[in-house]
Amino acid sequence: MKKMIVCLAASVTLIWADAMSSKVTLFQPSTLNGVELKPGEYKVQVEGDKLTLQNGKTKAEASVKTEQNDAKFGSTSIRYMNGDGKMRITEIRLGGTNTKLVVN
């Protein structure tokens, strides 16, 4: 019985961890916390309040706040702030979920 409970707890942990990992495609040069990101597909990982975007060796990290929307987002989208001629990522809305990642 103890082994079954441990396995169940491990499964729930893996499901939760997987829910906080996704992929996003950048269609234009972007910046996250000062790191310049080229267009392409990036793996999105959230651990606590830390957001990581990674594509090969290119890796950008930022502090993030996770918020829940009332309804699920139909597709993944990125919100930007244009400053100094650079498109800064300010928010990522994960498609198929009601999770919104707000960059601090």
PDB file of N, CA and C in Angstrom:
ATOM      1  N   MET A   1       0.824  -1.200   0.000  1.00  0.00           N
ATOM      2  CA  MET A   1       0.000   0.000   0.000  1.00  0.00           C
ATOM      3  C   MET A   1       0.868   1.264   0.000  1.00  0.00           C
ATOM      4  N   LYS A   2       1.965   1.246   0.781  1.00  0.00           N
ATOM      5  CA  LYS A   2       2.845   2.421   0.830  1.00  0.00           C
ATOM      6  C   LYS A   2       3.476   2.683  -0.539  1.00  0.00           C
ATOM      7  N   LYS A   3       3.875   1.594  -1.232  1.00  0.00           N
ATOM      8  CA  LYS A   3       4.479   1.761  -2.554  1.00  0.00           C
ATOM      9  C   LYS A   3       3.485   2.385  -3.522  1.00  0.00           C
ATOM     10  N   MET A   4       2.226   1.986  -3.434  1.00  0.00           N
ATOM     11  CA  MET A   4       1.200   2.535  -4.315  1.00  0.00           C
ATOM     12  C   MET A   4       1.002   4.023  -4.064  1.00  0.00           C
ATOM     13  N   ILE A   5       1.012   4.445  -2.811  1.00  0.00           N
ATOM     14  CA  ILE A   5       0.849   5.864  -2.476  1.00  0.00           C
ATOM     15  C   ILE A   5       2.037   6.663  -2.983  1.00  0.00           C
ATOM     16  N   VAL A   6       3.250   6.131  -2.820  1.00  0.00           N
ATOM     17  CA  VAL A   6       4.452   6.820  -3.298  1.00  0.00           C
ATOM     18  C   VAL A   6       4.405   6.955  -4.814  1.00  0.00           C
ATOM     19  N   CYS A   7       4.021   5.880  -5.516  1.00  0.00           N
ATOM     20  CA  CYS A   7       3.923   5.934  -6.982  1.00  0.00           C
ATOM     21  C   CYS A   7       2.877   6.948  -7.425  1.00  0.00           C
ATOM     22  N   LEU A   8       1.748   6.984  -6.747  1.00  0.00           N
ATOM     23  CA  LEU A   8       0.700   7.937  -7.079  1.00  0.00           C
ATOM     24  C   LEU A   8       1.186   9.362  -6.860  1.00  0.00           C
ATOM     25  N   ALA A   9       1.855   9.606  -5.745  1.00  0.00           N
ATOM     26  CA  ALA A   9       2.385  10.945  -5.471  1.00  0.00           C
ATOM     27  C   ALA A   9       3.415  11.339  -6.520  1.00  0.00           C
ATOM     28  N   ALA A  10       4.274  10.399  -6.914  1.00  0.00           N
ATOM     29  CA  ALA A  10       5.274  10.684  -7.943  1.00  0.00           C
ATOM     30  C   ALA A  10       4.600  10.998  -9.272  1.00  0.00           C
ATOM     31  N   SER A  11       3.543  10.263  -9.608  1.00  0.00           N
ATOM     32  CA  SER A  11       2.815  10.514 -10.856  1.00  0.00           C
ATOM     33  C   SER A  11       2.180  11.893 -10.865  1.00  0.00           C
ATOM     34  N   VAL A  12       1.571  12.272  -9.756  1.00  0.00           N
ATOM     35  CA  VAL A  12       0.952  13.592  -9.662  1.00  0.00           C
ATOM     36  C   VAL A  12       2.009  14.676  -9.805  1.00  0.00           C
ATOM     37  N   THR A  13       3.179  14.487  -9.175  1.00  0.00           N
ATOM     38  CA  THR A  13       4.261  15.462  -9.281  1.00  0.00           C
ATOM     39  C   THR A  13       4.726  15.585 -10.720  1.00  0.00           C
ATOM     40  N   LEU A  14       4.886  14.460 -11.430  1.00  0.00           N
ATOM     41  CA  LEU A  14       5.317  14.511 -12.822  1.00  0.00           C
ATOM     42  C   LEU A  14       4.282  15.196 -13.698  1.00  0.00           C
ATOM     43  N   ILE A  15       3.018  14.941 -13.466  1.00  0.00           N
ATOM     44  CA  ILE A  15       1.960  15.592 -14.241  1.00  0.00           C
ATOM     45  C   ILE A  15       1.997  17.091 -14.006  1.00  0.00           C
ATOM     46  N   TRP A  16       2.158  17.533 -12.749  1.00  0.00           N
ATOM     47  CA  TRP A  16       2.204  18.960 -12.438  1.00  0.00           C
ATOM     48  C   TRP A  16       3.418  19.603 -13.076  1.00  0.00           C
ATOM     49  N   ALA A  17       4.582  18.931 -12.982  1.00  0.00           N
ATOM     50  CA  ALA A  17       5.802  19.496 -13.555  1.00  0.00           C
ATOM     51  C   ALA A  17       5.661  19.625 -15.068  1.00  0.00           C
ATOM     52  N   ASP A  18       5.050  18.632 -15.702  1.00  0.00           N
ATOM     53  CA  ASP A  18       4.873  18.673 -17.143  1.00  0.00           C
ATOM     54  C   ASP A  18       3.915  19.790 -17.542  1.00  0.00           C
ATOM     55  N   ALA A  19       2.952  20.106 -16.698  1.00  0.00           N
ATOM     56  CA  ALA A  19       1.988  21.162 -17.001  1.00  0.00           C
ATOM     57  C   ALA A  19       2.674  22.520 -17.027  1.00  0.00           C
ATOM     58  N   MET A  20       3.794  22.652 -16.353  1.00  0.00           N
ATOM     59  CA  MET A  20       4.491  23.928 -16.313  1.00  0.00           C
ATOM     60  C   MET A  20       5.624  23.975 -17.336  1.00  0.00           C
ATOM     61  N   SER A  21       5.554  23.142 -18.331  1.00  0.00           N
ATOM     62  CA  SER A  21       6.519  23.163 -19.404  1.00  0.00           C
ATOM     63  C   SER A  21       5.752  23.110 -20.716  1.00  0.00           C
ATOM     64  N   SER A  22       6.186  23.926 -21.651  1.00  0.00           N
ATOM     65  CA  SER A  22       5.457  24.061 -22.906  1.00  0.00           C
ATOM     66  C   SER A  22       6.434  24.525 -23.973  1.00  0.00           C
ATOM     67  N   LYS A  23       5.925  24.789 -25.153  1.00  0.00           N
ATOM     68  CA  LYS A  23       6.744  25.352 -26.227  1.00  0.00           C
ATOM     69  C   LYS A  23       6.046  26.584 -26.778  1.00  0.00           C
ATOM     70  N   VAL A  24       6.855  27.506 -27.261  1.00  0.00           N
ATOM     71  CA  VAL A  24       6.331  28.728 -27.848  1.00  0.00           C
ATOM     72  C   VAL A  24       7.201  29.077 -29.049  1.00  0.00           C
ATOM     73  N   THR A  25       6.579  29.654 -30.067  1.00  0.00           N
ATOM     74  CA  THR A  25       7.311  30.070 -31.258  1.00  0.00           C
ATOM     75  C   THR A  25       7.380  31.591 -31.289  1.00  0.00           C
ATOM     76  N   LEU A  26       8.604  32.100 -31.405  1.00  0.00           N
ATOM     77  CA  LEU A  26       8.809  33.543 -31.567  1.00  0.00           C
ATOM     78  C   LEU A  26       8.929  33.817 -33.059  1.00  0.00           C
ATOM     79  N   PHE A  27       8.113  34.734 -33.567  1.00  0.00           N
ATOM     80  CA  PHE A  27       8.102  35.049 -34.987  1.00  0.00           C
ATOM     81  C   PHE A  27       8.936  36.283 -35.325  1.00  0.00           C
ATOM     82  N   GLN A  28       9.471  36.935 -34.303  1.00  0.00           N
ATOM     83  CA  GLN A  28      10.295  38.126 -34.510  1.00  0.00           C
ATOM     84  C   GLN A  28      11.377  38.164 -33.444  1.00  0.00           C
ATOM     85  N   PRO A  29      12.464  38.905 -33.693  1.00  0.00           N
ATOM     86  CA  PRO A  29      13.482  39.036 -32.653  1.00  0.00           C
ATOM     87  C   PRO A  29      12.837  39.618 -31.385  1.00  0.00           C
ATOM     88  N   SER A  30      13.161  39.027 -30.252  1.00  0.00           N
ATOM     89  CA  SER A  30      12.540  39.415 -28.982  1.00  0.00           C
ATOM     90  C   SER A  30      13.603  39.461 -27.898  1.00  0.00           C
ATOM     91  N   THR A  31      13.281  40.106 -26.788  1.00  0.00           N
ATOM     92  CA  THR A  31      14.187  40.084 -25.647  1.00  0.00           C
ATOM     93  C   THR A  31      13.423  39.662 -24.396  1.00  0.00           C
ATOM     94  N   LEU A  32      14.137  38.936 -23.546  1.00  0.00           N
ATOM     95  CA  LEU A  32      13.606  38.540 -22.249  1.00  0.00           C
ATOM     96  C   LEU A  32      14.694  38.808 -21.227  1.00  0.00           C
ATOM     97  N   ASN A  33      14.428  39.740 -20.333  1.00  0.00           N
ATOM     98  CA  ASN A  33      15.374  40.109 -19.284  1.00  0.00           C
ATOM     99  C   ASN A  33      16.738  40.483 -19.862  1.00  0.00           C
ATOM    100  N   GLY A  34      16.719  41.213 -20.984  1.00  0.00           N
ATOM    101  CA  GLY A  34      17.952  41.697 -21.602  1.00  0.00           C
ATOM    102  C   GLY A  34      18.626  40.725 -22.560  1.00  0.00           C
ATOM    103  N   VAL A  35      18.169  39.492 -22.624  1.00  0.00           N
ATOM    104  CA  VAL A  35      18.751  38.495 -23.533  1.00  0.00           C
ATOM    105  C   VAL A  35      18.001  38.536 -24.856  1.00  0.00           C
ATOM    106  N   GLU A  36      18.764  38.706 -25.949  1.00  0.00           N
ATOM    107  CA  GLU A  36      18.148  38.764 -27.269  1.00  0.00           C
ATOM    108  C   GLU A  36      17.867  37.349 -27.771  1.00  0.00           C
ATOM    109  N   LEU A  37      16.643  37.141 -28.240  1.00  0.00           N
ATOM    110  CA  LEU A  37      16.202  35.839 -28.735  1.00  0.00           C
ATOM    111  C   LEU A  37      15.849  35.956 -30.202  1.00  0.00           C
ATOM    112  N   LYS A  38      16.383  35.056 -31.014  1.00  0.00           N
ATOM    113  CA  LYS A  38      16.078  35.033 -32.442  1.00  0.00           C
ATOM    114  C   LYS A  38      14.744  34.327 -32.661  1.00  0.00           C
ATOM    115  N   PRO A  39      14.108  34.574 -33.797  1.00  0.00           N
ATOM    116  CA  PRO A  39      12.877  33.844 -34.102  1.00  0.00           C
ATOM    117  C   PRO A  39      13.128  32.334 -34.099  1.00  0.00           C
ATOM    118  N   GLY A  40      12.138  31.590 -33.629  1.00  0.00           N
ATOM    119  CA  GLY A  40      12.260  30.140 -33.581  1.00  0.00           C
ATOM    120  C   GLY A  40      11.412  29.560 -32.465  1.00  0.00           C
ATOM    121  N   GLU A  41      11.497  28.245 -32.301  1.00  0.00           N
ATOM    122  CA  GLU A  41      10.718  27.559 -31.270  1.00  0.00           C
ATOM    123  C   GLU A  41      11.544  27.442 -29.991  1.00  0.00           C
ATOM    124  N   TYR A  42      10.934  27.804 -28.871  1.00  0.00           N
ATOM    125  CA  TYR A  42      11.597  27.790 -27.575  1.00  0.00           C
ATOM    126  C   TYR A  42      10.826  26.927 -26.591  1.00  0.00           C
ATOM    127  N   LYS A  43      11.557  26.226 -25.750  1.00  0.00           N
ATOM    128  CA  LYS A  43      10.949  25.469 -24.663  1.00  0.00           C
ATOM    129  C   LYS A  43      10.707  26.442 -23.519  1.00  0.00           C
ATOM    130  N   VAL A  44       9.498  26.404 -22.977  1.00  0.00           N
ATOM    131  CA  VAL A  44       9.121  27.263 -21.852  1.00  0.00           C
ATOM    132  C   VAL A  44       9.069  26.398 -20.606  1.00  0.00           C
ATOM    133  N   GLN A  45       9.813  26.780 -19.573  1.00  0.00           N
ATOM    134  CA  GLN A  45       9.779  26.070 -18.299  1.00  0.00           C
ATOM    135  C   GLN A  45       9.553  27.078 -17.180  1.00  0.00           C
ATOM    136  N   VAL A  46       8.720  26.690 -16.228  1.00  0.00           N
ATOM    137  CA  VAL A  46       8.477  27.524 -15.055  1.00  0.00           C
ATOM    138  C   VAL A  46       8.732  26.681 -13.822  1.00  0.00           C
ATOM    139  N   GLU A  47       9.627  27.166 -12.989  1.00  0.00           N
ATOM    140  CA  GLU A  47       9.903  26.526 -11.706  1.00  0.00           C
ATOM    141  C   GLU A  47       9.754  27.608 -10.643  1.00  0.00           C
ATOM    142  N   GLY A  48       8.687  27.498  -9.852  1.00  0.00           N
ATOM    143  CA  GLY A  48       8.420  28.538  -8.855  1.00  0.00           C
ATOM    144  C   GLY A  48       8.111  29.847  -9.553  1.00  0.00           C
ATOM    145  N   ASP A  49       8.931  30.864  -9.290  1.00  0.00           N
ATOM    146  CA  ASP A  49       8.728  32.173  -9.925  1.00  0.00           C
ATOM    147  C   ASP A  49       9.794  32.457 -10.984  1.00  0.00           C
ATOM    148  N   LYS A  50      10.407  31.394 -11.523  1.00  0.00           N
ATOM    149  CA  LYS A  50      11.464  31.545 -12.520  1.00  0.00           C
ATOM    150  C   LYS A  50      11.011  30.979 -13.864  1.00  0.00           C
ATOM    151  N   LEU A  51      11.036  31.824 -14.901  1.00  0.00           N
ATOM    152  CA  LEU A  51      10.697  31.453 -16.268  1.00  0.00           C
ATOM    153  C   LEU A  51      11.981  31.259 -17.057  1.00  0.00           C
ATOM    154  N   THR A  52      12.055  30.170 -17.806  1.00  0.00           N
ATOM    155  CA  THR A  52      13.195  29.916 -18.678  1.00  0.00           C
ATOM    156  C   THR A  52      12.700  29.648 -20.086  1.00  0.00           C
ATOM    157  N   LEU A  53      13.274  30.360 -21.071  1.00  0.00           N
ATOM    158  CA  LEU A  53      13.029  30.093 -22.494  1.00  0.00           C
ATOM    159  C   LEU A  53      14.343  29.574 -23.055  1.00  0.00           C
ATOM    160  N   GLN A  54      14.307  28.423 -23.743  1.00  0.00           N
ATOM    161  CA  GLN A  54      15.537  27.846 -24.259  1.00  0.00           C
ATOM    162  C   GLN A  54      15.337  27.279 -25.649  1.00  0.00           C
ATOM    163  N   ASN A  55      16.312  27.580 -26.506  1.00  0.00           N
ATOM    164  CA  ASN A  55      16.378  27.048 -27.863  1.00  0.00           C
ATOM    165  C   ASN A  55      17.839  26.705 -28.102  1.00  0.00           C
ATOM    166  N   GLY A  56      18.180  25.422 -28.023  1.00  0.00           N
ATOM    167  CA  GLY A  56      19.588  25.024 -28.167  1.00  0.00           C
ATOM    168  C   GLY A  56      20.408  25.625 -27.037  1.00  0.00           C
ATOM    169  N   LYS A  57      21.473  26.344 -27.416  1.00  0.00           N
ATOM    170  CA  LYS A  57      22.344  26.958 -26.411  1.00  0.00           C
ATOM    171  C   LYS A  57      21.824  28.305 -25.924  1.00  0.00           C
ATOM    172  N   THR A  58      20.869  28.877 -26.653  1.00  0.00           N
ATOM    173  CA  THR A  58      20.312  30.168 -26.262  1.00  0.00           C
ATOM    174  C   THR A  58      19.323  29.966 -25.122  1.00  0.00           C
ATOM    175  N   LYS A  59      19.571  30.674 -24.017  1.00  0.00           N
ATOM    176  CA  LYS A  59      18.740  30.506 -22.826  1.00  0.00           C
ATOM    177  C   LYS A  59      18.527  31.868 -22.172  1.00  0.00           C
ATOM    178  N   ALA A  60      17.274  32.175 -21.868  1.00  0.00           N
ATOM    179  CA  ALA A  60      16.932  33.425 -21.185  1.00  0.00           C
ATOM    180  C   ALA A  60      16.081  33.091 -19.968  1.00  0.00           C
ATOM    181  N   GLU A  61      16.349  33.768 -18.866  1.00  0.00           N
ATOM    182  CA  GLU A  61      15.595  33.546 -17.628  1.00  0.00           C
ATOM    183  C   GLU A  61      15.058  34.876 -17.125  1.00  0.00           C
ATOM    184  N   ALA A  62      13.917  34.802 -16.468  1.00  0.00           N
ATOM    185  CA  ALA A  62      13.312  36.005 -15.893  1.00  0.00           C
ATOM    186  C   ALA A  62      12.422  35.610 -14.731  1.00  0.00           C
ATOM    187  N   SER A  63      12.202  36.558 -13.856  1.00  0.00           N
ATOM    188  CA  SER A  63      11.253  36.374 -12.765  1.00  0.00           C
ATOM    189  C   SER A  63       9.858  36.507 -13.346  1.00  0.00           C
ATOM    190  N   VAL A  64       8.941  35.639 -12.910  1.00  0.00           N
ATOM    191  CA  VAL A  64       7.608  35.616 -13.499  1.00  0.00           C
ATOM    192  C   VAL A  64       6.560  35.389 -12.415  1.00  0.00           C
ATOM    193  N   LYS A  65       5.378  35.926 -12.664  1.00  0.00           N
ATOM    194  CA  LYS A  65       4.235  35.697 -11.782  1.00  0.00           C
ATOM    195  C   LYS A  65       3.207  34.918 -12.588  1.00  0.00           C
ATOM    196  N   THR A  66       2.728  33.805 -12.030  1.00  0.00           N
ATOM    197  CA  THR A  66       1.728  32.982 -12.701  1.00  0.00           C
ATOM    198  C   THR A  66       0.344  33.435 -12.272  1.00  0.00           C
ATOM    199  N   GLU A  67      -0.506  33.725 -13.259  1.00  0.00           N
ATOM    200  CA  GLU A  67      -1.880  34.133 -12.986  1.00  0.00           C
ATOM    201  C   GLU A  67      -2.828  33.187 -13.709  1.00  0.00           C
ATOM    202  N   GLN A  68      -4.026  33.061 -13.187  1.00  0.00           N
ATOM    203  CA  GLN A  68      -5.051  32.211 -13.791  1.00  0.00           C
ATOM    204  C   GLN A  68      -6.138  33.082 -14.408  1.00  0.00           C
ATOM    205  N   ASN A  69      -6.477  32.811 -15.647  1.00  0.00           N
ATOM    206  CA  ASN A  69      -7.536  33.520 -16.359  1.00  0.00           C
ATOM    207  C   ASN A  69      -8.866  32.805 -16.096  1.00  0.00           C
ATOM    208  N   ASP A  70      -9.976  33.495 -16.286  1.00  0.00           N
ATOM    209  CA  ASP A  70     -11.289  32.879 -16.084  1.00  0.00           C
ATOM    210  C   ASP A  70     -11.563  31.769 -17.094  1.00  0.00           C
ATOM    211  N   ALA A  71     -11.100  31.951 -18.323  1.00  0.00           N
ATOM    212  CA  ALA A  71     -11.343  30.968 -19.383  1.00  0.00           C
ATOM    213  C   ALA A  71     -10.010  30.514 -19.965  1.00  0.00           C
ATOM    214  N   LYS A  72     -10.021  29.348 -20.616  1.00  0.00           N
ATOM    215  CA  LYS A  72      -8.815  28.839 -21.248  1.00  0.00           C
ATOM    216  C   LYS A  72      -8.478  29.669 -22.481  1.00  0.00           C
ATOM    217  N   PHE A  73      -7.180  29.792 -22.759  1.00  0.00           N
ATOM    218  CA  PHE A  73      -6.715  30.488 -23.952  1.00  0.00           C
ATOM    219  C   PHE A  73      -6.772  29.518 -25.124  1.00  0.00           C
ATOM    220  N   GLY A  74      -7.288  29.971 -26.258  1.00  0.00           N
ATOM    221  CA  GLY A  74      -7.428  29.125 -27.431  1.00  0.00           C
ATOM    222  C   GLY A  74      -6.095  28.744 -28.046  1.00  0.00           C
ATOM    223  N   SER A  75      -5.106  29.628 -27.952  1.00  0.00           N
ATOM    224  CA  SER A  75      -3.779  29.347 -28.493  1.00  0.00           C
ATOM    225  C   SER A  75      -2.741  30.090 -27.657  1.00  0.00           C
ATOM    226  N   THR A  76      -1.519  29.661 -27.791  1.00  0.00           N
ATOM    227  CA  THR A  76      -0.433  30.325 -27.071  1.00  0.00           C
ATOM    228  C   THR A  76      -0.151  31.658 -27.737  1.00  0.00           C
ATOM    229  N   SER A  77      -0.014  32.698 -26.918  1.00  0.00           N
ATOM    230  CA  SER A  77       0.293  34.017 -27.464  1.00  0.00           C
ATOM    231  C   SER A  77       1.271  34.738 -26.545  1.00  0.00           C
ATOM    232  N   ILE A  78       1.966  35.693 -27.136  1.00  0.00           N
ATOM    233  CA  ILE A  78       2.970  36.465 -26.404  1.00  0.00           C
ATOM    234  C   ILE A  78       2.609  37.933 -26.492  1.00  0.00           C
ATOM    235  N   ARG A  79       2.698  38.614 -25.366  1.00  0.00           N
ATOM    236  CA  ARG A  79       2.485  40.065 -25.333  1.00  0.00           C
ATOM    237  C   ARG A  79       3.853  40.728 -25.213  1.00  0.00           C
ATOM    238  N   TYR A  80       4.022  41.834 -25.931  1.00  0.00           N
ATOM    239  CA  TYR A  80       5.286  42.547 -25.966  1.00  0.00           C
ATOM    240  C   TYR A  80       5.114  43.996 -25.516  1.00  0.00           C
ATOM    241  N   MET A  81       6.237  44.587 -25.121  1.00  0.00           N
ATOM    242  CA  MET A  81       6.324  46.029 -24.924  1.00  0.00           C
ATOM    243  C   MET A  81       7.460  46.481 -25.838  1.00  0.00           C
ATOM    244  N   ASN A  82       7.190  47.468 -26.688  1.00  0.00           N
ATOM    245  CA  ASN A  82       8.188  47.966 -27.611  1.00  0.00           C
ATOM    246  C   ASN A  82       8.906  49.144 -26.963  1.00  0.00           C
ATOM    247  N   GLY A  83      10.186  48.959 -26.695  1.00  0.00           N
ATOM    248  CA  GLY A  83      10.971  50.036 -26.104  1.00  0.00           C
ATOM    249  C   GLY A  83      12.381  50.006 -26.654  1.00  0.00           C
ATOM    250  N   ASP A  84      12.915  51.142 -26.980  1.00  0.00           N
ATOM    251  CA  ASP A  84      14.278  51.255 -27.523  1.00  0.00           C
ATOM    252  C   ASP A  84      14.458  50.424 -28.790  1.00  0.00           C
ATOM    253  N   GLY A  85      13.386  50.246 -29.560  1.00  0.00           N
ATOM    254  CA  GLY A  85      13.457  49.480 -30.793  1.00  0.00           C
ATOM    255  C   GLY A  85      13.514  47.975 -30.583  1.00  0.00           C
ATOM    256  N   LYS A  86      13.334  47.515 -29.339  1.00  0.00           N
ATOM    257  CA  LYS A  86      13.366  46.088 -29.043  1.00  0.00           C
ATOM    258  C   LYS A  86      12.005  45.638 -28.547  1.00  0.00           C
ATOM    259  N   MET A  87      11.617  44.435 -28.952  1.00  0.00           N
ATOM    260  CA  MET A  87      10.353  43.854 -28.510  1.00  0.00           C
ATOM    261  C   MET A  87      10.612  43.024 -27.256  1.00  0.00           C
ATOM    262  N   ARG A  88      10.181  43.564 -26.113  1.00  0.00           N
ATOM    263  CA  ARG A  88      10.396  42.890 -24.832  1.00  0.00           C
ATOM    264  C   ARG A  88       9.175  42.044 -24.474  1.00  0.00           C
ATOM    265  N   ILE A  89       9.413  40.776 -24.140  1.00  0.00           N
ATOM    266  CA  ILE A  89       8.332  39.874 -23.745  1.00  0.00           C
ATOM    267  C   ILE A  89       7.838  40.296 -22.368  1.00  0.00           C
ATOM    268  N   THR A  90       6.527  40.553 -22.263  1.00  0.00           N
ATOM    269  CA  THR A  90       5.945  40.949 -20.976  1.00  0.00           C
ATOM    270  C   THR A  90       4.970  39.902 -20.439  1.00  0.00           C
ATOM    271  N   GLU A  91       4.473  39.032 -21.338  1.00  0.00           N
ATOM    272  CA  GLU A  91       3.457  38.069 -20.914  1.00  0.00           C
ATOM    273  C   GLU A  91       3.394  36.920 -21.916  1.00  0.00           C
ATOM    274  N   ILE A  92       3.198  35.712 -21.399  1.00  0.00           N
ATOM    275  CA  ILE A  92       2.974  34.541 -22.243  1.00  0.00           C
ATOM    276  C   ILE A  92       1.681  33.891 -21.783  1.00  0.00           C
ATOM    277  N   ARG A  93       0.752  33.713 -22.712  1.00  0.00           N
ATOM    278  CA  ARG A  93      -0.525  33.041 -22.418  1.00  0.00           C
ATOM    279  C   ARG A  93      -0.460  31.661 -23.045  1.00  0.00           C
ATOM    280  N   LEU A  94      -0.544  30.630 -22.213  1.00  0.00           N
ATOM    281  CA  LEU A  94      -0.373  29.260 -22.672  1.00  0.00           C
ATOM    282  C   LEU A  94      -1.676  28.684 -23.210  1.00  0.00           C
ATOM    283  N   GLY A  95      -1.697  28.376 -24.496  1.00  0.00           N
ATOM    284  CA  GLY A  95      -2.878  27.835 -25.166  1.00  0.00           C
ATOM    285  C   GLY A  95      -3.334  26.521 -24.563  1.00  0.00           C
ATOM    286  N   GLY A  96      -4.655  26.350 -24.466  1.00  0.00           N
ATOM    287  CA  GLY A  96      -5.229  25.142 -23.906  1.00  0.00           C
ATOM    288  C   GLY A  96      -5.287  25.132 -22.391  1.00  0.00           C
ATOM    289  N   THR A  97      -4.774  26.210 -21.777  1.00  0.00           N
ATOM    290  CA  THR A  97      -4.814  26.344 -20.317  1.00  0.00           C
ATOM    291  C   THR A  97      -5.397  27.713 -19.979  1.00  0.00           C
ATOM    292  N   ASN A  98      -5.576  27.960 -18.702  1.00  0.00           N
ATOM    293  CA  ASN A  98      -5.984  29.305 -18.274  1.00  0.00           C
ATOM    294  C   ASN A  98      -4.815  30.003 -17.584  1.00  0.00           C
ATOM    295  N   THR A  99      -3.577  29.550 -17.888  1.00  0.00           N
ATOM    296  CA  THR A  99      -2.386  30.084 -17.249  1.00  0.00           C
ATOM    297  C   THR A  99      -1.778  31.221 -18.057  1.00  0.00           C
ATOM    298  N   LYS A 100      -1.472  32.298 -17.333  1.00  0.00           N
ATOM    299  CA  LYS A 100      -0.833  33.478 -17.919  1.00  0.00           C
ATOM    300  C   LYS A 100       0.446  33.718 -17.130  1.00  0.00           C
ATOM    301  N   LEU A 101       1.583  33.834 -17.825  1.00  0.00           N
ATOM    302  CA  LEU A 101       2.875  34.096 -17.198  1.00  0.00           C
ATOM    303  C   LEU A 101       3.210  35.569 -17.400  1.00  0.00           C
ATOM    304  N   VAL A 102       3.250  36.325 -16.330  1.00  0.00           N
ATOM    305  CA  VAL A 102       3.521  37.758 -16.394  1.00  0.00           C
ATOM    306  C   VAL A 102       4.957  37.994 -15.951  1.00  0.00           C
ATOM    307  N   VAL A 103       5.786  38.534 -16.866  1.00  0.00           N
ATOM    308  CA  VAL A 103       7.185  38.785 -16.577  1.00  0.00           C
ATOM    309  C   VAL A 103       7.300  40.018 -15.685  1.00  0.00           C
ATOM    310  N   ASN A 104       8.061  39.869 -14.609  1.00  0.00           N
ATOM    311  CA  ASN A 104       8.283  40.989 -13.666  1.00  0.00           C
ATOM    312  C   ASN A 104       9.399  41.881 -14.161  1.00  0.00           C
TER     313      ASN A 104
END
